[in-house]
Protein backbone atom coordinates (compact mmCIF):
# COMPACT_ATOMS: atom_id res chain seq x y z
CA UNK A 1 0.17 0.14 0.16
CA UNK A 2 1.25 3.24 -1.08
CA UNK A 3 0.22 6.73 0.19
CA UNK A 4 0.44 9.38 -1.94
CA UNK A 5 -1.54 11.99 -0.14
CA UNK A 6 -3.47 11.98 3.71
CA UNK A 7 -6.52 9.76 3.61
CA UNK A 8 -9.06 12.11 4.72
CA UNK A 9 -12.30 10.02 7.01
CA UNK A 10 -15.02 8.78 4.54
CA UNK A 11 -18.50 7.99 4.92
CA UNK A 12 -18.76 5.38 2.03
CA UNK A 13 -16.98 3.24 -0.61
CA UNK A 14 -17.83 2.95 -4.27
CA UNK A 15 -16.08 0.22 -6.79
CA UNK A 16 -15.15 0.17 -10.20
CA UNK A 17 -16.42 -3.24 -11.56
CA UNK A 18 -14.21 -4.18 -15.28
CA UNK A 19 -10.81 -4.86 -14.07
CA UNK A 20 -10.96 -3.72 -10.44
CA UNK A 21 -13.21 -6.37 -8.85
CA UNK A 22 -12.45 -9.02 -11.66
CA UNK A 23 -10.18 -9.49 -14.74
CA UNK A 24 -12.34 -8.44 -17.48
CA UNK A 25 -9.70 -8.42 -20.54
CA UNK A 26 -10.13 -12.26 -21.12
CA UNK A 27 -13.76 -12.18 -20.76
CA UNK A 28 -14.53 -9.04 -23.30
CA UNK A 29 -11.86 -10.90 -25.54
CA UNK A 30 -13.89 -14.36 -25.54
CA UNK A 31 -17.13 -12.41 -25.64
CA UNK A 32 -16.11 -10.45 -28.82
CA UNK A 33 -15.08 -13.24 -30.63
CA UNK A 34 -18.18 -15.42 -29.81
CA UNK A 35 -20.34 -12.73 -30.66
CA UNK A 36 -18.91 -12.07 -33.97
CA UNK A 37 -19.51 -15.64 -34.20
CA UNK A 38 -23.15 -15.21 -33.47
CA UNK A 39 -23.76 -12.71 -35.75
CA UNK A 40 -22.06 -14.31 -39.24
CA UNK A 41 -23.93 -17.44 -37.98
CA UNK A 42 -27.27 -16.10 -37.16
CA UNK A 43 -27.65 -13.54 -39.77
CA UNK A 44 -26.88 -14.48 -43.82
CA UNK A 45 -26.05 -11.44 -45.15
CA UNK A 46 -23.39 -10.67 -42.11
CA UNK A 47 -20.97 -13.62 -43.57
CA UNK A 48 -18.38 -11.85 -44.39
CA UNK A 49 -18.16 -9.66 -41.76
CA UNK A 50 -15.04 -10.30 -39.52
CA UNK A 51 -13.24 -8.28 -37.09
CA UNK A 52 -11.70 -5.65 -38.81
CA UNK A 53 -14.45 -4.36 -40.56
CA UNK A 54 -16.64 -4.67 -37.38
CA UNK A 55 -13.90 -2.20 -35.60
CA UNK A 56 -13.70 0.06 -38.72
CA UNK A 57 -17.65 0.40 -38.25
CA UNK A 58 -17.33 1.11 -34.33
CA UNK A 59 -14.52 3.58 -34.83
CA UNK A 60 -16.60 5.82 -37.32
CA UNK A 61 -19.80 5.43 -35.46
CA UNK A 62 -18.47 6.94 -32.17
CA UNK A 63 -16.46 9.66 -34.76
CA UNK A 64 -19.80 10.49 -36.17
CA UNK A 65 -21.61 10.90 -32.40
CA UNK A 66 -18.94 10.91 -29.41
CA UNK A 67 -22.00 11.08 -27.20
CA UNK A 68 -22.31 7.19 -27.77
CA UNK A 69 -19.08 6.66 -25.60
CA UNK A 70 -21.16 7.65 -22.56
CA UNK A 71 -23.52 4.31 -23.07
CA UNK A 72 -21.63 1.19 -24.25
CA UNK A 73 -24.95 -0.90 -24.92
CA UNK A 74 -26.38 1.90 -26.91
CA UNK A 75 -22.96 2.24 -28.82
CA UNK A 76 -22.91 -1.69 -29.42
CA UNK A 77 -26.66 -1.44 -30.70
CA UNK A 78 -26.34 1.34 -33.19
CA UNK A 79 -23.14 -0.53 -34.29
CA UNK A 80 -25.30 -3.73 -34.84
CA UNK A 81 -27.80 -1.95 -36.84
CA UNK A 82 -25.29 0.39 -39.14
CA UNK A 83 -23.33 -2.94 -40.31
CA UNK A 84 -26.96 -5.12 -40.46
CA UNK A 85 -28.09 -2.03 -43.12
CA UNK A 86 -25.03 -1.65 -44.69
CA UNK A 87 -25.05 -5.34 -45.64
CA UNK A 88 -28.13 -5.20 -46.74
CA UNK A 89 -30.63 -5.74 -43.86
CA UNK A 90 -33.62 -3.50 -43.96
CA UNK A 91 -34.10 -1.00 -41.38
CA UNK A 92 -36.80 -2.17 -39.86
CA UNK A 93 -35.27 -5.93 -39.35
CA UNK A 94 -32.40 -4.21 -38.70
CA UNK A 95 -33.84 -2.47 -35.67
CA UNK A 96 -35.37 -5.82 -34.34
CA UNK A 97 -32.52 -7.78 -35.05
CA UNK A 98 -30.50 -5.39 -32.85
CA UNK A 99 -31.62 -5.49 -29.95
CA UNK A 100 -31.81 -9.23 -29.95
CA UNK A 101 -27.99 -9.14 -30.52
CA UNK A 102 -27.39 -6.78 -28.01
CA UNK A 103 -28.83 -9.31 -25.34
CA UNK A 104 -26.75 -12.03 -26.78
CA UNK A 105 -23.80 -9.98 -26.43
CA UNK A 106 -24.65 -9.05 -22.61
CA UNK A 107 -25.02 -12.56 -22.06
CA UNK A 108 -21.71 -13.68 -23.36
CA UNK A 109 -19.94 -10.47 -21.50
CA UNK A 110 -21.28 -11.49 -18.41
CA UNK A 111 -20.32 -15.46 -18.10
CA UNK A 112 -18.10 -15.85 -15.66
CA UNK A 113 -17.78 -15.98 -11.90
CA UNK A 114 -16.33 -13.15 -9.60
CA UNK A 115 -13.52 -14.44 -7.39
CA UNK A 116 -14.71 -15.42 -4.26
CA UNK A 117 -12.05 -13.04 -2.72
CA UNK A 118 -13.62 -9.93 -4.27
CA UNK A 119 -17.06 -11.39 -2.96
CA UNK A 120 -15.57 -12.03 0.41
CA UNK A 121 -13.61 -8.73 0.29
CA UNK A 122 -17.00 -6.73 -0.22
CA UNK A 123 -19.07 -8.28 2.58
CA UNK A 124 -16.01 -7.39 5.23
CA UNK A 125 -16.24 -3.90 3.69
CA UNK A 126 -19.96 -3.21 4.30
CA UNK A 127 -19.97 -4.31 7.56
CA UNK A 128 -18.42 -1.25 8.09
CA UNK A 129 -19.75 1.38 5.45
CA UNK A 130 -21.54 1.46 2.70
CA UNK A 131 -20.68 0.17 -0.48
CA UNK A 132 -21.96 1.54 -3.74
CA UNK A 133 -20.76 0.26 -7.36
CA UNK A 134 -20.19 2.79 -10.19
CA UNK A 135 -19.31 1.56 -13.34
CA UNK A 136 -18.72 2.64 -17.42
CA UNK A 137 -20.00 -0.72 -18.41
CA UNK A 138 -22.74 -2.96 -18.83
CA UNK A 139 -21.93 -6.05 -17.24
CA UNK A 140 -25.14 -8.10 -15.92
CA UNK A 141 -24.97 -7.93 -12.18
CA UNK A 142 -27.55 -10.44 -11.56
CA UNK A 143 -25.45 -12.69 -13.77
CA UNK A 144 -22.33 -12.49 -11.99
CA UNK A 145 -23.47 -12.68 -8.62
CA UNK A 146 -23.08 -9.16 -7.14
CA UNK A 147 -26.51 -7.76 -7.06
CA UNK A 148 -26.75 -8.83 -3.49
CA UNK A 149 -22.80 -7.26 -3.05
CA UNK A 150 -23.92 -3.22 -3.31
CA UNK A 151 -26.34 -0.56 -1.81
CA UNK A 152 -26.59 0.03 -5.69
CA UNK A 153 -25.13 0.17 -8.65
CA UNK A 154 -24.70 2.84 -11.06
CA UNK A 155 -24.05 2.49 -14.61
CA UNK A 156 -23.55 5.21 -17.44
CA UNK A 157 -26.14 5.84 -19.78
CA UNK A 158 -29.42 7.11 -19.39
CA UNK A 159 -28.59 10.42 -18.74
CA UNK A 160 -25.29 9.57 -16.66
CA UNK A 161 -22.48 10.82 -18.73
CA UNK A 162 -19.42 8.07 -17.79
CA UNK A 163 -16.64 8.67 -15.42
CA UNK A 164 -14.78 10.83 -15.31
CA UNK A 165 -17.47 12.97 -15.60
CA UNK A 166 -18.93 14.44 -12.17
CA UNK A 167 -22.51 12.67 -13.20
CA UNK A 168 -22.09 9.23 -11.71
CA UNK A 169 -20.12 10.25 -8.58
CA UNK A 170 -22.79 13.24 -7.96
CA UNK A 171 -25.31 10.64 -7.87
CA UNK A 172 -23.65 8.15 -5.86
CA UNK A 173 -23.47 10.97 -3.28
CA UNK A 174 -26.57 12.02 -3.73
CA UNK A 175 -28.18 8.56 -2.86
CA UNK A 176 -26.18 7.88 0.29
CA UNK A 177 -26.66 10.93 1.38
CA UNK A 178 -23.15 12.34 1.61
CA UNK A 179 -21.00 15.02 0.14
CA UNK A 180 -19.01 13.69 -2.87
CA UNK A 181 -15.62 14.51 -0.90
CA UNK A 182 -16.91 11.69 1.73
CA UNK A 183 -16.57 9.20 -0.98
CA UNK A 184 -13.58 6.77 -1.29
CA UNK A 185 -13.49 5.16 -4.67
CA UNK A 186 -11.58 2.37 -5.94
CA UNK A 187 -10.65 1.44 -9.63
CA UNK A 188 -7.78 0.63 -11.46
CA UNK A 189 -8.23 2.88 -14.48
CA UNK A 190 -5.78 6.52 -14.13
CA UNK A 191 -8.19 8.20 -16.18
CA UNK A 192 -11.90 7.43 -15.25
CA UNK A 193 -11.68 6.21 -12.03
CA UNK A 194 -8.43 7.85 -10.28
CA UNK A 195 -8.89 10.98 -12.53
CA UNK A 196 -12.31 11.21 -12.07
CA UNK A 197 -12.99 10.95 -8.56
CA UNK A 198 -10.37 13.14 -7.25
CA UNK A 199 -11.21 15.96 -9.71
CA UNK A 200 -14.45 15.68 -8.51
CA UNK A 201 -13.27 16.02 -4.74
CA UNK A 202 -13.57 12.67 -3.80
CA UNK A 203 -10.89 10.41 -2.78
CA UNK A 204 -9.34 7.54 -4.98
CA UNK A 205 -7.78 4.10 -4.39
CA UNK A 206 -5.72 3.04 -7.45
CA UNK A 207 -5.89 -0.55 -7.85
CA UNK A 208 -2.71 -1.46 -9.87
CA UNK A 209 -1.87 -4.93 -9.55
CA UNK A 210 0.37 -5.28 -12.65
CA UNK A 211 2.87 -2.37 -10.91
CA UNK A 212 1.70 0.04 -14.01
CA UNK A 213 3.69 3.84 -14.02
CA UNK A 214 2.02 6.79 -12.88
CA UNK A 215 3.60 8.67 -15.46
CA UNK A 216 -0.44 8.72 -17.72
CA UNK A 217 -1.89 10.15 -14.39
CA UNK A 218 -3.55 13.18 -14.50
CA UNK A 219 -3.75 13.55 -10.99
CA UNK A 220 -1.96 11.47 -8.24
CA UNK A 221 -4.38 8.77 -6.45
CA UNK A 222 -4.80 9.55 -2.74
CA UNK A 223 -3.56 5.85 -2.42
CA UNK A 224 -2.26 2.81 -4.34
CA UNK A 225 -2.68 -0.68 -4.02
CA UNK A 226 -1.37 -4.04 -5.47
CA UNK A 227 -4.23 -6.16 -3.62
CA UNK A 228 -7.30 -5.41 -3.15
CA UNK A 229 -7.29 -7.13 0.29
CA UNK A 230 -5.48 -4.04 1.61
CA UNK A 231 -8.19 -2.00 1.92
CA UNK A 232 -9.36 -3.71 5.09
CA UNK A 233 -6.00 -2.14 6.57
CA UNK A 234 -8.22 1.37 5.89
CA UNK A 235 -11.07 -0.01 8.78
């Protein structure tokens, strides 16, 4: 555990989900590959779609509509519709199929189990502080077994800009009936989690299990930990 700033008293703890409570990289990699197989095998018109073409449409769409980055589910649904129409599926059908395909992707990207040590940590912390989740992602909380682990879960989208924007931190503080500065946020990402929290007057714990360097940090975290169980030392 490394302290960069003095830890102020806090009243609640918020967690990022992806790559903090579990390793999301292999999950997403597999989900993306399986999803492409689903698209090309389910819709004959998409047989020639590959990962390179998919990513081209994905990047083009976000350039055309940057606001989509705040809602990854909506972004994906719009990509699916765009690709389907380009490959000859009617807009009417593309709208219907895109919703179905999105649900398939959410199923694939939520097909894993949270490590038991993360579950135990959340239970222990919840004995001492309100514990909530703040995520930019779209994992199915219930499917991965975290539906009872938090007082509530806030996701970007549906009117909330993604971290590092203040919106989700502000909403968490509102629902907890505390000031933002009374929130201790834990996450792996130097921009969305560390900068997002510190820039909005919350405190940040940087989860850094792979010993990454701080050279890309816009603001220093309050604390750095290589193992989440070190958080128990703060109790």
